[in-house]
Amino acid sequence: MNIQKNNKTVIITINMVISFFSETFVGMALGFFLGRYFDNLLFDGERMIFAYVLLFLGLFAGLINFIKRVLKNIAKEEKNEKS
């Protein structure tokens, strides 16, 4: 029983890590290219203000999603241990 629980925990952890990296990468890539588009529209490609701002916004969005998912998983595990 304990081995199955450990395997399930490992699988959930790997799933969360893979989801974190994929969501963060996609958010950063979309932010960068969308920012470059806005920079080219407004500044004729001379500055990269929006590219960096939206890149970091994508990074922080991925981190916030990861933290929420970890906290939710911890709360679910604590609930399962009590019952």
N, C-alpha and C. Protein backbone atom coordinates (compact mmCIF):
# COMPACT_ATOMS: atom_id res chain seq x y z
N MET A 1 0.82 -1.19 0.00
CA MET A 1 0.00 0.00 0.00
C MET A 1 0.87 1.26 0.00
N ASN A 2 1.91 1.27 0.81
CA ASN A 2 2.78 2.42 0.91
C ASN A 2 3.56 2.65 -0.39
N ILE A 3 3.93 1.54 -1.06
CA ILE A 3 4.65 1.66 -2.33
C ILE A 3 3.76 2.29 -3.39
N GLN A 4 2.50 1.91 -3.43
CA GLN A 4 1.57 2.51 -4.40
C GLN A 4 1.39 3.99 -4.12
N LYS A 5 1.32 4.37 -2.87
CA LYS A 5 1.17 5.78 -2.51
C LYS A 5 2.41 6.57 -2.93
N ASN A 6 3.60 6.00 -2.72
CA ASN A 6 4.84 6.66 -3.13
C ASN A 6 4.91 6.80 -4.64
N ASN A 7 4.50 5.76 -5.37
CA ASN A 7 4.50 5.84 -6.83
C ASN A 7 3.54 6.91 -7.32
N LYS A 8 2.38 6.98 -6.69
CA LYS A 8 1.40 8.00 -7.08
C LYS A 8 1.95 9.40 -6.81
N THR A 9 2.61 9.57 -5.69
CA THR A 9 3.20 10.87 -5.35
C THR A 9 4.28 11.26 -6.34
N VAL A 10 5.10 10.30 -6.74
CA VAL A 10 6.16 10.57 -7.72
C VAL A 10 5.55 10.97 -9.06
N ILE A 11 4.52 10.27 -9.49
CA ILE A 11 3.88 10.58 -10.76
C ILE A 11 3.24 11.96 -10.73
N ILE A 12 2.59 12.30 -9.63
CA ILE A 12 1.97 13.63 -9.49
C ILE A 12 3.04 14.72 -9.51
N THR A 13 4.16 14.48 -8.84
CA THR A 13 5.25 15.45 -8.81
C THR A 13 5.85 15.65 -10.19
N ILE A 14 6.09 14.57 -10.90
CA ILE A 14 6.63 14.68 -12.26
C ILE A 14 5.66 15.41 -13.17
N ASN A 15 4.37 15.13 -13.02
CA ASN A 15 3.35 15.81 -13.81
C ASN A 15 3.35 17.31 -13.53
N MET A 16 3.47 17.70 -12.27
CA MET A 16 3.48 19.11 -11.92
C MET A 16 4.72 19.82 -12.47
N VAL A 17 5.87 19.16 -12.42
CA VAL A 17 7.11 19.77 -12.93
C VAL A 17 7.03 19.95 -14.44
N ILE A 18 6.55 18.93 -15.14
CA ILE A 18 6.42 19.03 -16.60
C ILE A 18 5.41 20.11 -16.97
N SER A 19 4.30 20.17 -16.25
CA SER A 19 3.31 21.21 -16.51
C SER A 19 3.88 22.59 -16.25
N PHE A 20 4.66 22.73 -15.18
CA PHE A 20 5.27 24.01 -14.86
C PHE A 20 6.18 24.47 -16.00
N PHE A 21 7.07 23.61 -16.45
CA PHE A 21 8.00 24.01 -17.50
C PHE A 21 7.28 24.31 -18.81
N SER A 22 6.30 23.50 -19.17
CA SER A 22 5.60 23.75 -20.44
C SER A 22 4.77 25.02 -20.37
N GLU A 23 4.04 25.24 -19.28
CA GLU A 23 3.23 26.45 -19.14
C GLU A 23 4.10 27.70 -19.09
N THR A 24 5.20 27.61 -18.36
CA THR A 24 6.08 28.77 -18.25
C THR A 24 6.75 29.07 -19.59
N PHE A 25 7.20 28.05 -20.29
CA PHE A 25 7.83 28.27 -21.59
C PHE A 25 6.85 28.89 -22.58
N VAL A 26 5.66 28.35 -22.64
CA VAL A 26 4.65 28.88 -23.58
C VAL A 26 4.29 30.32 -23.21
N GLY A 27 4.09 30.59 -21.92
CA GLY A 27 3.77 31.95 -21.49
C GLY A 27 4.87 32.94 -21.80
N MET A 28 6.11 32.52 -21.58
CA MET A 28 7.24 33.41 -21.89
C MET A 28 7.39 33.62 -23.39
N ALA A 29 7.23 32.56 -24.17
CA ALA A 29 7.37 32.68 -25.62
C ALA A 29 6.27 33.58 -26.20
N LEU A 30 5.03 33.34 -25.76
CA LEU A 30 3.94 34.20 -26.24
C LEU A 30 4.14 35.64 -25.81
N GLY A 31 4.56 35.84 -24.59
CA GLY A 31 4.82 37.20 -24.11
C GLY A 31 5.91 37.88 -24.89
N PHE A 32 6.99 37.16 -25.18
CA PHE A 32 8.09 37.76 -25.93
C PHE A 32 7.66 38.15 -27.34
N PHE A 33 7.03 37.23 -28.06
CA PHE A 33 6.68 37.53 -29.44
C PHE A 33 5.55 38.56 -29.53
N LEU A 34 4.60 38.52 -28.62
CA LEU A 34 3.57 39.54 -28.59
C LEU A 34 4.17 40.90 -28.23
N GLY A 35 5.10 40.90 -27.31
CA GLY A 35 5.81 42.14 -26.96
C GLY A 35 6.62 42.68 -28.11
N ARG A 36 7.28 41.81 -28.85
CA ARG A 36 8.03 42.26 -30.03
C ARG A 36 7.10 42.88 -31.06
N TYR A 37 5.92 42.27 -31.22
CA TYR A 37 4.94 42.82 -32.16
C TYR A 37 4.53 44.23 -31.75
N PHE A 38 4.22 44.40 -30.46
CA PHE A 38 3.83 45.73 -29.97
C PHE A 38 4.99 46.72 -30.06
N ASP A 39 6.21 46.26 -29.79
CA ASP A 39 7.38 47.14 -29.91
C ASP A 39 7.57 47.59 -31.35
N ASN A 40 7.39 46.68 -32.29
CA ASN A 40 7.54 47.05 -33.70
C ASN A 40 6.45 48.02 -34.14
N LEU A 41 5.25 47.85 -33.59
CA LEU A 41 4.16 48.77 -33.93
C LEU A 41 4.41 50.17 -33.37
N LEU A 42 4.86 50.24 -32.14
CA LEU A 42 4.96 51.54 -31.46
C LEU A 42 6.33 52.20 -31.59
N PHE A 43 7.39 51.42 -31.59
CA PHE A 43 8.74 52.00 -31.58
C PHE A 43 9.56 51.67 -32.82
N ASP A 44 8.96 51.12 -33.83
CA ASP A 44 9.65 50.72 -35.06
C ASP A 44 10.82 49.78 -34.81
N GLY A 45 10.72 48.93 -33.80
CA GLY A 45 11.73 47.92 -33.53
C GLY A 45 12.98 48.43 -32.86
N GLU A 46 13.00 49.70 -32.44
CA GLU A 46 14.20 50.26 -31.81
C GLU A 46 14.34 49.84 -30.35
N ARG A 47 13.23 49.65 -29.68
CA ARG A 47 13.26 49.30 -28.27
C ARG A 47 12.55 47.96 -28.06
N MET A 48 12.87 47.32 -26.96
CA MET A 48 12.22 46.04 -26.64
C MET A 48 11.58 46.12 -25.26
N ILE A 49 10.81 47.14 -25.03
CA ILE A 49 10.20 47.35 -23.72
C ILE A 49 9.11 46.31 -23.47
N PHE A 50 8.14 46.23 -24.37
CA PHE A 50 7.02 45.32 -24.18
C PHE A 50 7.46 43.86 -24.23
N ALA A 51 8.48 43.57 -25.01
CA ALA A 51 8.96 42.18 -25.10
C ALA A 51 9.45 41.70 -23.74
N TYR A 52 10.23 42.52 -23.06
CA TYR A 52 10.74 42.12 -21.75
C TYR A 52 9.64 42.11 -20.69
N VAL A 53 8.76 43.11 -20.73
CA VAL A 53 7.69 43.17 -19.74
C VAL A 53 6.79 41.94 -19.87
N LEU A 54 6.36 41.62 -21.09
CA LEU A 54 5.47 40.48 -21.28
C LEU A 54 6.19 39.14 -21.08
N LEU A 55 7.48 39.11 -21.34
CA LEU A 55 8.27 37.91 -21.06
C LEU A 55 8.25 37.60 -19.57
N PHE A 56 8.52 38.62 -18.75
CA PHE A 56 8.51 38.40 -17.30
C PHE A 56 7.10 38.16 -16.78
N LEU A 57 6.11 38.75 -17.42
CA LEU A 57 4.73 38.47 -17.03
C LEU A 57 4.39 37.00 -17.27
N GLY A 58 4.85 36.45 -18.39
CA GLY A 58 4.66 35.02 -18.66
C GLY A 58 5.39 34.15 -17.65
N LEU A 59 6.58 34.57 -17.24
CA LEU A 59 7.33 33.83 -16.23
C LEU A 59 6.59 33.83 -14.90
N PHE A 60 6.13 34.99 -14.48
CA PHE A 60 5.42 35.08 -13.20
C PHE A 60 4.09 34.35 -13.24
N ALA A 61 3.42 34.35 -14.37
CA ALA A 61 2.16 33.60 -14.49
C ALA A 61 2.42 32.11 -14.32
N GLY A 62 3.49 31.60 -14.91
CA GLY A 62 3.84 30.19 -14.74
C GLY A 62 4.18 29.86 -13.30
N LEU A 63 4.90 30.75 -12.63
CA LEU A 63 5.24 30.52 -11.22
C LEU A 63 4.00 30.53 -10.34
N ILE A 64 3.11 31.48 -10.58
CA ILE A 64 1.89 31.56 -9.77
C ILE A 64 1.04 30.30 -9.97
N ASN A 65 0.90 29.85 -11.21
CA ASN A 65 0.13 28.62 -11.46
C ASN A 65 0.77 27.42 -10.76
N PHE A 66 2.09 27.35 -10.78
CA PHE A 66 2.79 26.24 -10.13
C PHE A 66 2.57 26.28 -8.62
N ILE A 67 2.69 27.44 -8.02
CA ILE A 67 2.50 27.57 -6.57
C ILE A 67 1.07 27.20 -6.19
N LYS A 68 0.09 27.66 -6.95
CA LYS A 68 -1.31 27.30 -6.67
C LYS A 68 -1.52 25.80 -6.75
N ARG A 69 -0.93 25.17 -7.77
CA ARG A 69 -1.09 23.73 -7.95
C ARG A 69 -0.44 22.95 -6.81
N VAL A 70 0.73 23.39 -6.36
CA VAL A 70 1.41 22.72 -5.25
C VAL A 70 0.60 22.87 -3.97
N LEU A 71 0.11 24.07 -3.68
CA LEU A 71 -0.68 24.27 -2.47
C LEU A 71 -1.97 23.46 -2.49
N LYS A 72 -2.59 23.36 -3.65
CA LYS A 72 -3.80 22.56 -3.78
C LYS A 72 -3.49 21.08 -3.55
N ASN A 73 -2.37 20.62 -4.08
CA ASN A 73 -1.96 19.23 -3.90
C ASN A 73 -1.65 18.93 -2.43
N ILE A 74 -1.00 19.86 -1.76
CA ILE A 74 -0.68 19.67 -0.34
C ILE A 74 -1.96 19.59 0.48
N ALA A 75 -2.91 20.48 0.19
CA ALA A 75 -4.18 20.46 0.93
C ALA A 75 -4.94 19.16 0.69
N LYS A 76 -4.89 18.67 -0.55
CA LYS A 76 -5.58 17.40 -0.86
C LYS A 76 -4.91 16.23 -0.13
N GLU A 77 -3.59 16.22 -0.07
CA GLU A 77 -2.90 15.15 0.64
C GLU A 77 -3.19 15.18 2.13
N GLU A 78 -3.25 16.38 2.72
CA GLU A 78 -3.56 16.49 4.14
C GLU A 78 -4.99 16.01 4.42
N LYS A 79 -5.89 16.32 3.50
CA LYS A 79 -7.29 15.87 3.66
C LYS A 79 -7.37 14.34 3.59
N ASN A 80 -6.60 13.75 2.67
CA ASN A 80 -6.60 12.29 2.54
C ASN A 80 -5.97 11.61 3.75
N GLU A 81 -4.96 12.25 4.36
CA GLU A 81 -4.34 11.65 5.55
C GLU A 81 -5.27 11.68 6.75
N LYS A 82 -6.11 12.70 6.85
CA LYS A 82 -7.03 12.80 7.99
C LYS A 82 -8.15 11.78 7.88
N SER A 83 -8.55 11.46 6.65
CA SER A 83 -9.68 10.50 6.51
C SER A 83 -9.21 9.09 6.37
